[in-house]
Amino acid sequence: MYKIFAVLISGLLLAGVVVAVFSQKQKSMFSPKTTKILPTETKTISGVKLKTFSSTSGFSFQYPEQMEVKTKKFKDQSIYDWVELTFPGKKGVISVKLENSDLDEIDDWFTKERKSSISGKTENIKIGDVEGRQYLANNQKVSLGLDQDNVLTSITTNPESDKDIFFKAHEKIVSSFVFILPSRAESNLDQYSSSGGEEDVIFEGEEIIE
């Protein structure tokens, strides 16, 4: 009698386990899957204040406020303006030059000799509203633009250290570059006749670069 009773109890327990497992399986088959969403870390980069450089030759651009700007002295009458920017304590320089050229279009600048020194692809860019090209050569980043008056704008960055910092400043100068009135040719004549070429102005700016 006891054996029969024990067998019945065992059978009932086994049946209960089977039913529970089956029902759980059925539930998992039809229940929607849930994905645990982990919080993501948000990083913020402190902004760098910018200053605006404005030239009497008819252009302006923005640059990081910690950079120093120096106007180059030149006697070559084909040059409209030439400035250099440096970071104190860092080796390297960014040169911004506007000069007259005999080029008919910007691609004429790329002679066979110059092409041989270029690493990577040449990018199509805009300097202000002027069609331009940008490339890397001998660890330098060069941006060029040629306007309808055959004035060549060249922005050349030569970093001896801290390449990323210099190249970011280069990109900011290029992206913020604006040609302003009066025209560069007219300003150049006024510059030499009345001001001696020393009336470039630097303005404080509130914009930040991220």
N, C-alpha and C. Protein backbone atom coordinates (compact mmCIF):
# COMPACT_ATOMS: atom_id res chain seq x y z
N MET A 1 0.83 -1.20 0.00
CA MET A 1 0.00 0.00 0.00
C MET A 1 0.87 1.25 0.00
N TYR A 2 1.87 1.23 0.93
CA TYR A 2 2.75 2.40 1.00
C TYR A 2 3.54 2.60 -0.30
N LYS A 3 3.95 1.47 -0.91
CA LYS A 3 4.71 1.58 -2.17
C LYS A 3 3.85 2.21 -3.26
N ILE A 4 2.57 1.78 -3.33
CA ILE A 4 1.68 2.31 -4.35
C ILE A 4 1.46 3.80 -4.13
N PHE A 5 1.28 4.17 -2.85
CA PHE A 5 1.07 5.58 -2.51
C PHE A 5 2.29 6.42 -2.88
N ALA A 6 3.49 5.89 -2.61
CA ALA A 6 4.73 6.61 -2.92
C ALA A 6 4.89 6.80 -4.42
N VAL A 7 4.52 5.75 -5.18
CA VAL A 7 4.62 5.84 -6.64
C VAL A 7 3.68 6.90 -7.17
N LEU A 8 2.45 6.96 -6.60
CA LEU A 8 1.48 7.97 -7.04
C LEU A 8 1.98 9.38 -6.74
N ILE A 9 2.55 9.57 -5.55
CA ILE A 9 3.07 10.89 -5.18
C ILE A 9 4.20 11.30 -6.12
N SER A 10 5.11 10.36 -6.39
CA SER A 10 6.25 10.64 -7.28
C SER A 10 5.75 11.00 -8.68
N GLY A 11 4.73 10.28 -9.13
CA GLY A 11 4.18 10.55 -10.45
C GLY A 11 3.57 11.93 -10.54
N LEU A 12 2.84 12.31 -9.48
CA LEU A 12 2.23 13.64 -9.46
C LEU A 12 3.29 14.74 -9.47
N LEU A 13 4.35 14.56 -8.68
CA LEU A 13 5.42 15.55 -8.64
C LEU A 13 6.12 15.69 -10.00
N LEU A 14 6.38 14.54 -10.64
CA LEU A 14 7.03 14.56 -11.95
C LEU A 14 6.15 15.25 -12.98
N ALA A 15 4.84 14.97 -12.92
CA ALA A 15 3.92 15.60 -13.85
C ALA A 15 3.88 17.11 -13.64
N GLY A 16 3.94 17.51 -12.36
CA GLY A 16 3.95 18.95 -12.07
C GLY A 16 5.18 19.64 -12.63
N VAL A 17 6.33 18.99 -12.50
CA VAL A 17 7.57 19.56 -13.02
C VAL A 17 7.51 19.70 -14.53
N VAL A 18 6.99 18.65 -15.21
CA VAL A 18 6.89 18.68 -16.67
C VAL A 18 5.98 19.81 -17.14
N VAL A 19 4.83 19.96 -16.45
CA VAL A 19 3.89 21.02 -16.81
C VAL A 19 4.52 22.40 -16.62
N ALA A 20 5.25 22.57 -15.52
CA ALA A 20 5.88 23.87 -15.24
C ALA A 20 6.92 24.22 -16.29
N VAL A 21 7.74 23.24 -16.66
CA VAL A 21 8.78 23.47 -17.66
C VAL A 21 8.17 23.81 -19.01
N PHE A 22 7.11 23.08 -19.38
CA PHE A 22 6.45 23.30 -20.67
C PHE A 22 5.81 24.68 -20.73
N SER A 23 5.16 25.07 -19.65
CA SER A 23 4.50 26.38 -19.64
C SER A 23 5.52 27.52 -19.72
N GLN A 24 6.66 27.33 -19.04
CA GLN A 24 7.71 28.36 -19.09
C GLN A 24 8.28 28.49 -20.49
N LYS A 25 8.44 27.34 -21.18
CA LYS A 25 8.96 27.34 -22.55
C LYS A 25 7.99 28.04 -23.48
N GLN A 26 6.67 27.75 -23.29
CA GLN A 26 5.66 28.39 -24.12
C GLN A 26 5.66 29.90 -23.91
N LYS A 27 5.82 30.30 -22.67
CA LYS A 27 5.83 31.73 -22.35
C LYS A 27 7.00 32.44 -23.00
N SER A 28 8.19 31.76 -22.97
CA SER A 28 9.37 32.37 -23.56
C SER A 28 9.27 32.45 -25.07
N MET A 29 8.49 31.54 -25.68
CA MET A 29 8.36 31.55 -27.13
C MET A 29 7.52 32.72 -27.61
N PHE A 30 6.58 33.15 -26.79
CA PHE A 30 5.65 34.18 -27.24
C PHE A 30 5.84 35.52 -26.55
N SER A 31 6.70 35.56 -25.55
CA SER A 31 6.95 36.83 -24.87
C SER A 31 7.97 37.63 -25.65
N PRO A 32 7.81 38.96 -25.78
CA PRO A 32 8.80 39.78 -26.50
C PRO A 32 10.12 39.82 -25.75
N LYS A 33 11.22 39.87 -26.52
CA LYS A 33 12.54 39.94 -25.91
C LYS A 33 12.77 41.34 -25.37
N THR A 34 13.45 41.43 -24.28
CA THR A 34 13.80 42.73 -23.70
C THR A 34 15.30 42.89 -23.71
N THR A 35 15.77 44.09 -24.04
CA THR A 35 17.20 44.38 -24.08
C THR A 35 17.55 45.35 -22.98
N LYS A 36 18.53 45.02 -22.22
CA LYS A 36 18.97 45.89 -21.14
C LYS A 36 19.82 47.02 -21.72
N ILE A 37 19.39 48.25 -21.51
CA ILE A 37 20.09 49.42 -22.04
C ILE A 37 21.04 49.96 -20.98
N LEU A 38 22.31 49.95 -21.29
CA LEU A 38 23.31 50.46 -20.36
C LEU A 38 23.52 51.94 -20.60
N PRO A 39 23.73 52.69 -19.54
CA PRO A 39 23.98 54.14 -19.72
C PRO A 39 25.28 54.37 -20.46
N THR A 40 25.30 55.34 -21.38
CA THR A 40 26.52 55.67 -22.12
C THR A 40 27.14 56.94 -21.57
N GLU A 41 28.44 56.96 -21.59
CA GLU A 41 29.16 58.11 -21.07
C GLU A 41 29.19 59.22 -22.11
N THR A 42 28.82 60.41 -21.72
CA THR A 42 28.84 61.57 -22.61
C THR A 42 30.04 62.42 -22.28
N LYS A 43 30.89 62.65 -23.28
CA LYS A 43 32.09 63.46 -23.08
C LYS A 43 31.89 64.83 -23.69
N THR A 44 32.30 65.83 -22.99
CA THR A 44 32.23 67.19 -23.51
C THR A 44 33.64 67.74 -23.65
N ILE A 45 33.88 68.46 -24.73
CA ILE A 45 35.19 69.06 -24.98
C ILE A 45 35.07 70.56 -24.77
N SER A 46 35.90 71.08 -23.91
CA SER A 46 35.82 72.51 -23.62
C SER A 46 36.14 73.31 -24.88
N GLY A 47 35.39 74.39 -25.10
CA GLY A 47 35.57 75.21 -26.29
C GLY A 47 36.80 76.10 -26.20
N VAL A 48 37.29 76.48 -27.35
CA VAL A 48 38.42 77.40 -27.45
C VAL A 48 37.91 78.70 -28.06
N LYS A 49 38.15 79.80 -27.40
CA LYS A 49 37.70 81.09 -27.91
C LYS A 49 38.49 81.47 -29.17
N LEU A 50 37.82 82.18 -30.02
CA LEU A 50 38.42 82.56 -31.30
C LEU A 50 38.57 84.07 -31.40
N LYS A 51 39.56 84.47 -32.15
CA LYS A 51 39.72 85.86 -32.54
C LYS A 51 39.54 85.96 -34.05
N THR A 52 39.27 87.16 -34.52
CA THR A 52 39.10 87.40 -35.95
C THR A 52 40.22 88.31 -36.44
N PHE A 53 40.90 87.86 -37.48
CA PHE A 53 41.91 88.67 -38.14
C PHE A 53 41.28 89.29 -39.38
N SER A 54 41.43 90.59 -39.53
CA SER A 54 40.87 91.29 -40.70
C SER A 54 41.97 92.09 -41.36
N SER A 55 42.14 91.90 -42.66
CA SER A 55 43.20 92.56 -43.41
C SER A 55 42.64 93.65 -44.31
N THR A 56 43.39 94.72 -44.47
CA THR A 56 43.00 95.78 -45.40
C THR A 56 43.08 95.30 -46.85
N SER A 57 43.67 94.14 -47.07
CA SER A 57 43.73 93.58 -48.42
C SER A 57 42.42 92.92 -48.82
N GLY A 58 41.46 92.88 -47.91
CA GLY A 58 40.13 92.41 -48.28
C GLY A 58 39.79 90.99 -47.90
N PHE A 59 40.24 90.53 -46.73
CA PHE A 59 39.85 89.20 -46.27
C PHE A 59 39.90 89.16 -44.75
N SER A 60 39.24 88.16 -44.19
CA SER A 60 39.29 87.93 -42.75
C SER A 60 39.16 86.45 -42.48
N PHE A 61 39.58 86.03 -41.29
CA PHE A 61 39.43 84.65 -40.87
C PHE A 61 39.49 84.58 -39.34
N GLN A 62 39.06 83.46 -38.80
CA GLN A 62 39.11 83.24 -37.36
C GLN A 62 40.21 82.25 -37.01
N TYR A 63 40.72 82.39 -35.80
CA TYR A 63 41.80 81.52 -35.34
C TYR A 63 41.73 81.41 -33.82
N PRO A 64 42.30 80.34 -33.22
CA PRO A 64 42.29 80.19 -31.76
C PRO A 64 42.99 81.36 -31.08
N GLU A 65 42.39 81.85 -29.99
CA GLU A 65 42.89 83.07 -29.36
C GLU A 65 44.31 82.93 -28.80
N GLN A 66 44.74 81.71 -28.50
CA GLN A 66 46.08 81.55 -27.94
C GLN A 66 47.18 81.67 -28.99
N MET A 67 46.80 81.73 -30.26
CA MET A 67 47.80 81.87 -31.31
C MET A 67 48.26 83.31 -31.43
N GLU A 68 49.49 83.48 -31.87
CA GLU A 68 50.04 84.80 -32.12
C GLU A 68 50.11 85.04 -33.63
N VAL A 69 49.74 86.25 -34.06
CA VAL A 69 49.71 86.59 -35.48
C VAL A 69 50.75 87.66 -35.77
N LYS A 70 51.52 87.42 -36.81
CA LYS A 70 52.55 88.37 -37.21
C LYS A 70 52.44 88.64 -38.70
N THR A 71 52.41 89.92 -39.06
CA THR A 71 52.39 90.29 -40.48
C THR A 71 53.80 90.29 -41.03
N LYS A 72 54.00 89.56 -42.10
CA LYS A 72 55.32 89.48 -42.72
C LYS A 72 55.61 90.76 -43.51
N LYS A 73 56.86 91.17 -43.48
CA LYS A 73 57.29 92.30 -44.30
C LYS A 73 57.77 91.76 -45.65
N PHE A 74 57.37 92.42 -46.71
CA PHE A 74 57.76 91.95 -48.04
C PHE A 74 57.87 93.14 -48.99
N LYS A 75 58.72 92.98 -49.98
CA LYS A 75 58.91 94.01 -51.01
C LYS A 75 58.32 93.60 -52.35
N ASP A 76 57.99 92.31 -52.46
CA ASP A 76 57.44 91.79 -53.70
C ASP A 76 56.05 92.40 -53.94
N GLN A 77 55.91 93.19 -54.99
CA GLN A 77 54.66 93.88 -55.28
C GLN A 77 53.54 92.93 -55.74
N SER A 78 53.89 91.68 -56.03
CA SER A 78 52.86 90.73 -56.44
C SER A 78 52.12 90.15 -55.23
N ILE A 79 52.66 90.37 -54.03
CA ILE A 79 52.03 89.88 -52.80
C ILE A 79 51.10 90.94 -52.23
N TYR A 80 49.86 90.55 -51.97
CA TYR A 80 48.89 91.48 -51.39
C TYR A 80 48.98 91.49 -49.87
N ASP A 81 49.13 90.33 -49.28
CA ASP A 81 49.27 90.24 -47.83
C ASP A 81 49.85 88.89 -47.46
N TRP A 82 50.52 88.87 -46.29
CA TRP A 82 51.18 87.64 -45.85
C TRP A 82 51.29 87.68 -44.34
N VAL A 83 50.61 86.76 -43.68
CA VAL A 83 50.66 86.70 -42.22
C VAL A 83 51.04 85.29 -41.78
N GLU A 84 51.63 85.20 -40.60
CA GLU A 84 52.00 83.91 -40.02
C GLU A 84 51.42 83.80 -38.62
N LEU A 85 50.94 82.60 -38.29
CA LEU A 85 50.36 82.33 -36.98
C LEU A 85 51.15 81.23 -36.28
N THR A 86 51.41 81.41 -35.00
CA THR A 86 52.16 80.43 -34.23
C THR A 86 51.49 80.21 -32.87
N PHE A 87 51.74 79.05 -32.28
CA PHE A 87 51.34 78.76 -30.90
C PHE A 87 52.55 78.98 -30.00
N PRO A 88 52.46 79.81 -28.97
CA PRO A 88 53.59 80.00 -28.06
C PRO A 88 54.02 78.66 -27.44
N GLY A 89 55.31 78.40 -27.49
CA GLY A 89 55.84 77.18 -26.91
C GLY A 89 55.74 75.95 -27.78
N LYS A 90 55.15 76.08 -28.97
CA LYS A 90 55.04 74.94 -29.88
C LYS A 90 55.75 75.26 -31.19
N LYS A 91 56.39 74.25 -31.75
CA LYS A 91 57.15 74.45 -32.97
C LYS A 91 56.25 74.23 -34.19
N GLY A 92 56.19 75.23 -35.03
CA GLY A 92 55.38 75.14 -36.22
C GLY A 92 54.82 76.50 -36.59
N VAL A 93 54.28 76.61 -37.78
CA VAL A 93 53.75 77.90 -38.25
C VAL A 93 52.65 77.66 -39.28
N ILE A 94 51.66 78.55 -39.27
CA ILE A 94 50.63 78.58 -40.31
C ILE A 94 50.81 79.86 -41.10
N SER A 95 50.99 79.73 -42.39
CA SER A 95 51.20 80.89 -43.26
C SER A 95 49.96 81.14 -44.11
N VAL A 96 49.51 82.38 -44.13
CA VAL A 96 48.38 82.79 -44.97
C VAL A 96 48.89 83.87 -45.92
N LYS A 97 48.83 83.58 -47.21
CA LYS A 97 49.39 84.52 -48.20
C LYS A 97 48.43 84.71 -49.36
N LEU A 98 48.30 85.95 -49.78
CA LEU A 98 47.55 86.28 -50.99
C LEU A 98 48.50 86.95 -51.97
N GLU A 99 48.57 86.43 -53.19
CA GLU A 99 49.50 86.97 -54.17
C GLU A 99 48.94 86.85 -55.58
N ASN A 100 49.43 87.72 -56.44
CA ASN A 100 49.03 87.66 -57.83
C ASN A 100 49.69 86.46 -58.49
N SER A 101 49.03 85.87 -59.47
CA SER A 101 49.58 84.69 -60.14
C SER A 101 49.27 84.76 -61.63
N ASP A 102 49.93 83.89 -62.38
CA ASP A 102 49.67 83.79 -63.81
C ASP A 102 48.86 82.54 -64.13
N LEU A 103 48.18 81.99 -63.11
CA LEU A 103 47.38 80.78 -63.29
C LEU A 103 46.03 81.13 -63.92
N ASP A 104 45.58 80.29 -64.83
CA ASP A 104 44.25 80.46 -65.41
C ASP A 104 43.19 79.74 -64.58
N GLU A 105 43.58 78.62 -63.98
CA GLU A 105 42.69 77.88 -63.09
C GLU A 105 43.53 77.21 -62.02
N ILE A 106 42.89 76.83 -60.94
CA ILE A 106 43.61 76.34 -59.77
C ILE A 106 44.41 75.08 -60.06
N ASP A 107 43.92 74.21 -60.93
CA ASP A 107 44.63 72.96 -61.21
C ASP A 107 45.93 73.19 -61.97
N ASP A 108 46.11 74.38 -62.57
CA ASP A 108 47.37 74.68 -63.25
C ASP A 108 48.53 74.77 -62.26
N TRP A 109 48.21 74.97 -61.00
CA TRP A 109 49.25 75.08 -59.98
C TRP A 109 49.97 73.75 -59.77
N PHE A 110 49.27 72.65 -60.03
CA PHE A 110 49.79 71.33 -59.74
C PHE A 110 50.68 70.83 -60.87
N THR A 111 51.91 71.28 -60.87
CA THR A 111 52.88 70.80 -61.85
C THR A 111 53.27 69.36 -61.53
N LYS A 112 53.95 68.74 -62.46
CA LYS A 112 54.38 67.35 -62.26
C LYS A 112 55.27 67.23 -61.02
N GLU A 113 56.15 68.20 -60.83
CA GLU A 113 57.06 68.17 -59.68
C GLU A 113 56.28 68.29 -58.37
N ARG A 114 55.31 69.17 -58.32
CA ARG A 114 54.52 69.34 -57.11
C ARG A 114 53.66 68.12 -56.82
N LYS A 115 53.10 67.52 -57.87
CA LYS A 115 52.26 66.34 -57.68
C LYS A 115 53.05 65.19 -57.06
N SER A 116 54.32 65.09 -57.38
CA SER A 116 55.14 63.98 -56.89
C SER A 116 55.33 64.02 -55.37
N SER A 117 55.17 65.19 -54.76
CA SER A 117 55.37 65.31 -53.31
C SER A 117 54.08 65.17 -52.52
N ILE A 118 52.95 65.08 -53.22
CA ILE A 118 51.66 65.01 -52.54
C ILE A 118 51.39 63.60 -52.04
N SER A 119 50.98 63.49 -50.78
CA SER A 119 50.61 62.20 -50.22
C SER A 119 49.10 62.14 -50.05
N GLY A 120 48.48 61.08 -50.54
CA GLY A 120 47.03 60.98 -50.46
C GLY A 120 46.34 61.73 -51.59
N LYS A 121 45.05 61.90 -51.41
CA LYS A 121 44.23 62.53 -52.45
C LYS A 121 44.17 64.05 -52.27
N THR A 122 43.96 64.73 -53.38
CA THR A 122 43.73 66.18 -53.35
C THR A 122 42.24 66.42 -53.21
N GLU A 123 41.87 67.21 -52.20
CA GLU A 123 40.46 67.47 -51.92
C GLU A 123 39.99 68.76 -52.60
N ASN A 124 38.74 68.76 -53.02
CA ASN A 124 38.11 69.98 -53.51
C ASN A 124 37.52 70.73 -52.33
N ILE A 125 37.88 71.99 -52.16
CA ILE A 125 37.40 72.78 -51.03
C ILE A 125 36.96 74.15 -51.52
N LYS A 126 36.52 74.96 -50.58
CA LYS A 126 36.21 76.37 -50.83
C LYS A 126 37.00 77.21 -49.84
N ILE A 127 37.63 78.25 -50.33
CA ILE A 127 38.23 79.26 -49.46
C ILE A 127 37.39 80.52 -49.67
N GLY A 128 36.58 80.84 -48.68
CA GLY A 128 35.57 81.86 -48.90
C GLY A 128 34.60 81.36 -49.95
N ASP A 129 34.38 82.15 -50.99
CA ASP A 129 33.52 81.72 -52.09
C ASP A 129 34.33 81.31 -53.32
N VAL A 130 35.60 81.02 -53.10
CA VAL A 130 36.52 80.70 -54.20
C VAL A 130 36.80 79.20 -54.24
N GLU A 131 36.79 78.65 -55.44
CA GLU A 131 37.11 77.23 -55.61
C GLU A 131 38.55 76.98 -55.21
N GLY A 132 38.78 75.85 -54.53
CA GLY A 132 40.13 75.57 -54.06
C GLY A 132 40.46 74.10 -54.01
N ARG A 133 41.69 73.82 -53.62
CA ARG A 133 42.19 72.46 -53.45
C ARG A 133 42.94 72.36 -52.12
N GLN A 134 42.96 71.16 -51.56
CA GLN A 134 43.68 70.93 -50.31
C GLN A 134 44.39 69.59 -50.37
N TYR A 135 45.61 69.54 -49.84
CA TYR A 135 46.39 68.31 -49.90
C TYR A 135 47.45 68.31 -48.80
N LEU A 136 48.07 67.14 -48.62
CA LEU A 136 49.19 66.98 -47.69
C LEU A 136 50.44 66.70 -48.50
N ALA A 137 51.54 67.33 -48.10
CA ALA A 137 52.83 67.10 -48.77
C ALA A 137 53.95 67.40 -47.79
N ASN A 138 54.84 66.44 -47.62
CA ASN A 138 56.00 66.62 -46.73
C ASN A 138 55.58 67.08 -45.33
N ASN A 139 54.55 66.42 -44.80
CA ASN A 139 54.03 66.71 -43.45
C ASN A 139 53.38 68.09 -43.34
N GLN A 140 53.12 68.73 -44.46
CA GLN A 140 52.46 70.03 -44.46
C GLN A 140 51.04 69.90 -45.01
N LYS A 141 50.13 70.69 -44.45
CA LYS A 141 48.79 70.77 -45.02
C LYS A 141 48.69 72.08 -45.79
N VAL A 142 48.24 71.98 -47.04
CA VAL A 142 48.19 73.15 -47.92
C VAL A 142 46.78 73.30 -48.48
N SER A 143 46.23 74.51 -48.37
CA SER A 143 44.93 74.84 -48.97
C SER A 143 45.14 76.00 -49.93
N LEU A 144 44.61 75.85 -51.14
CA LEU A 144 44.81 76.86 -52.18
C LEU A 144 43.48 77.27 -52.78
N GLY A 145 43.38 78.55 -53.13
CA GLY A 145 42.19 79.05 -53.82
C GLY A 145 42.60 80.08 -54.86
N LEU A 146 41.91 80.10 -55.98
CA LEU A 146 42.23 81.05 -57.05
C LEU A 146 40.95 81.76 -57.47
N ASP A 147 40.95 83.11 -57.37
CA ASP A 147 39.74 83.84 -57.72
C ASP A 147 39.78 84.28 -59.19
N GLN A 148 38.74 84.97 -59.62
CA GLN A 148 38.62 85.35 -61.03
C GLN A 148 39.63 86.40 -61.45
N ASP A 149 40.26 87.06 -60.48
CA ASP A 149 41.31 88.04 -60.79
C ASP A 149 42.70 87.42 -60.76
N ASN A 150 42.74 86.08 -60.71
CA ASN A 150 44.00 85.33 -60.68
C ASN A 150 44.82 85.59 -59.41
N VAL A 151 44.13 85.93 -58.33
CA VAL A 151 44.80 86.07 -57.04
C VAL A 151 44.80 84.72 -56.35
N LEU A 152 45.98 84.24 -56.00
CA LEU A 152 46.14 82.94 -55.36
C LEU A 152 46.18 83.11 -53.85
N THR A 153 45.27 82.45 -53.17
CA THR A 153 45.27 82.41 -51.70
C THR A 153 45.84 81.07 -51.27
N SER A 154 46.90 81.11 -50.46
CA SER A 154 47.50 79.87 -49.97
C SER A 154 47.55 79.89 -48.45
N ILE A 155 47.08 78.80 -47.86
CA ILE A 155 47.14 78.61 -46.40
C ILE A 155 47.95 77.34 -46.18
N THR A 156 49.14 77.51 -45.62
CA THR A 156 50.08 76.40 -45.47
C THR A 156 50.44 76.21 -44.01
N THR A 157 50.26 74.99 -43.52
CA THR A 157 50.59 74.67 -42.13
C THR A 157 51.75 73.70 -42.09
N ASN A 158 52.80 74.10 -41.38
CA ASN A 158 54.00 73.29 -41.25
C ASN A 158 54.27 73.03 -39.76
N PRO A 159 53.70 71.95 -39.20
CA PRO A 159 53.89 71.67 -37.78
C PRO A 159 55.13 70.83 -37.52
N GLU A 160 56.02 71.33 -36.68
CA GLU A 160 57.18 70.54 -36.28
C GLU A 160 56.85 69.69 -35.06
N SER A 161 55.77 70.04 -34.37
CA SER A 161 55.26 69.27 -33.24
C SER A 161 53.77 69.54 -33.12
N ASP A 162 53.07 68.74 -32.31
CA ASP A 162 51.64 68.96 -32.06
C ASP A 162 50.85 69.12 -33.35
N LYS A 163 51.02 68.16 -34.24
CA LYS A 163 50.41 68.24 -35.57
C LYS A 163 48.89 68.40 -35.50
N ASP A 164 48.23 67.65 -34.61
CA ASP A 164 46.77 67.71 -34.54
C ASP A 164 46.29 69.12 -34.18
N ILE A 165 46.97 69.77 -33.26
CA ILE A 165 46.58 71.12 -32.84
C ILE A 165 46.71 72.10 -34.00
N PHE A 166 47.82 72.02 -34.71
CA PHE A 166 48.04 72.92 -35.84
C PHE A 166 47.04 72.66 -36.96
N PHE A 167 46.78 71.38 -37.25
CA PHE A 167 45.87 71.06 -38.34
C PHE A 167 44.43 71.47 -38.02
N LYS A 168 44.03 71.38 -36.75
CA LYS A 168 42.69 71.85 -36.37
C LYS A 168 42.58 73.36 -36.55
N ALA A 169 43.63 74.07 -36.17
CA ALA A 169 43.65 75.52 -36.37
C ALA A 169 43.59 75.85 -37.86
N HIS A 170 44.31 75.07 -38.66
CA HIS A 170 44.30 75.25 -40.13
C HIS A 170 42.87 75.13 -40.66
N GLU A 171 42.17 74.08 -40.25
CA GLU A 171 40.82 73.86 -40.74
C GLU A 171 39.88 74.99 -40.33
N LYS A 172 40.08 75.53 -39.12
CA LYS A 172 39.24 76.63 -38.68
C LYS A 172 39.49 77.88 -39.52
N ILE A 173 40.74 78.14 -39.83
CA ILE A 173 41.08 79.29 -40.67
C ILE A 173 40.43 79.15 -42.04
N VAL A 174 40.55 77.97 -42.63
CA VAL A 174 39.98 77.74 -43.96
C VAL A 174 38.46 77.88 -43.94
N SER A 175 37.81 77.24 -42.96
CA SER A 175 36.34 77.23 -42.93
C SER A 175 35.75 78.60 -42.62
N SER A 176 36.52 79.46 -41.95
CA SER A 176 35.99 80.78 -41.57
C SER A 176 36.47 81.89 -42.51
N PHE A 177 37.27 81.54 -43.50
CA PHE A 177 37.87 82.53 -44.39
C PHE A 177 36.79 83.25 -45.20
N VAL A 178 36.86 84.56 -45.23
CA VAL A 178 35.87 85.37 -45.94
C VAL A 178 36.58 86.47 -46.71
N PHE A 179 36.19 86.66 -47.97
CA PHE A 179 36.67 87.80 -48.75
C PHE A 179 35.70 88.95 -48.54
N ILE A 180 36.24 90.12 -48.27
CA ILE A 180 35.40 91.28 -47.96
C ILE A 180 35.76 92.44 -48.87
N LEU A 181 34.83 93.38 -49.01
CA LEU A 181 35.07 94.58 -49.82
C LEU A 181 35.89 95.58 -49.02
N PRO A 182 36.69 96.43 -49.67
CA PRO A 182 36.87 96.54 -51.12
C PRO A 182 37.70 95.41 -51.67
N SER A 183 37.85 95.38 -52.98
CA SER A 183 38.59 94.30 -53.62
C SER A 183 40.04 94.32 -53.18
N ARG A 184 40.68 93.16 -53.27
CA ARG A 184 42.07 93.05 -52.82
C ARG A 184 43.00 93.93 -53.65
N ALA A 185 42.75 94.02 -54.96
CA ALA A 185 43.64 94.81 -55.81
C ALA A 185 43.57 96.29 -55.44
N GLU A 186 42.35 96.82 -55.21
CA GLU A 186 42.20 98.22 -54.83
C GLU A 186 42.81 98.48 -53.47
N SER A 187 42.60 97.55 -52.54
CA SER A 187 43.15 97.72 -51.20
C SER A 187 44.66 97.70 -51.22
N ASN A 188 45.21 96.88 -52.13
CA ASN A 188 46.66 96.78 -52.19
C ASN A 188 47.28 98.12 -52.61
N LEU A 189 46.65 98.82 -53.57
CA LEU A 189 47.15 100.11 -53.99
C LEU A 189 47.06 101.12 -52.86
N ASP A 190 45.93 101.15 -52.16
CA ASP A 190 45.76 102.05 -51.03
C ASP A 190 46.74 101.72 -49.92
N GLN A 191 46.98 100.42 -49.75
CA GLN A 191 47.85 99.97 -48.68
C GLN A 191 49.25 100.52 -48.85
N TYR A 192 49.75 100.51 -50.07
CA TYR A 192 51.12 100.99 -50.30
C TYR A 192 51.19 102.50 -50.42
N SER A 193 50.12 103.14 -50.86
CA SER A 193 50.17 104.58 -51.06
C SER A 193 49.93 105.36 -49.78
N SER A 194 49.13 104.79 -48.84
CA SER A 194 48.77 105.58 -47.67
C SER A 194 49.15 104.96 -46.34
N SER A 195 49.15 103.62 -46.25
CA SER A 195 49.33 103.02 -44.94
C SER A 195 50.62 102.23 -44.79
N GLY A 196 51.31 101.98 -45.87
CA GLY A 196 52.56 101.22 -45.78
C GLY A 196 52.35 99.76 -45.47
N GLY A 197 51.12 99.28 -45.53
CA GLY A 197 50.86 97.85 -45.37
C GLY A 197 50.84 97.39 -43.93
N GLU A 198 50.55 98.26 -42.96
CA GLU A 198 50.58 97.85 -41.58
C GLU A 198 49.26 98.14 -40.86
N GLU A 199 48.14 97.97 -41.56
CA GLU A 199 46.87 98.27 -40.93
C GLU A 199 45.98 97.05 -40.82
N ASP A 200 46.56 95.88 -40.66
CA ASP A 200 45.78 94.70 -40.39
C ASP A 200 45.23 94.80 -38.98
N VAL A 201 44.01 94.33 -38.79
CA VAL A 201 43.34 94.51 -37.51
C VAL A 201 42.94 93.15 -36.96
N ILE A 202 43.09 92.99 -35.66
CA ILE A 202 42.68 91.76 -34.98
C ILE A 202 41.56 92.11 -34.02
N PHE A 203 40.43 91.41 -34.13
CA PHE A 203 39.29 91.66 -33.27
C PHE A 203 39.11 90.50 -32.31
N GLU A 204 38.67 90.81 -31.09
CA GLU A 204 38.31 89.78 -30.14
C GLU A 204 37.02 89.12 -30.61
N GLY A 205 36.91 87.80 -30.43
CA GLY A 205 35.70 87.11 -30.82
C GLY A 205 35.14 86.28 -29.68
N GLU A 206 33.84 86.06 -29.68
CA GLU A 206 33.20 85.28 -28.62
C GLU A 206 32.87 83.86 -29.07
N GLU A 207 33.02 83.58 -30.36
CA GLU A 207 32.67 82.25 -30.85
C GLU A 207 33.63 81.23 -30.27
N ILE A 208 33.15 80.00 -30.08
CA ILE A 208 34.02 78.94 -29.59
C ILE A 208 34.06 77.82 -30.60
N ILE A 209 35.17 77.11 -30.59
CA ILE A 209 35.34 75.95 -31.47
C ILE A 209 35.31 74.72 -30.60
N GLU A 210 34.58 73.70 -31.05
CA GLU A 210 34.46 72.48 -30.25
C GLU A 210 35.27 71.36 -30.86
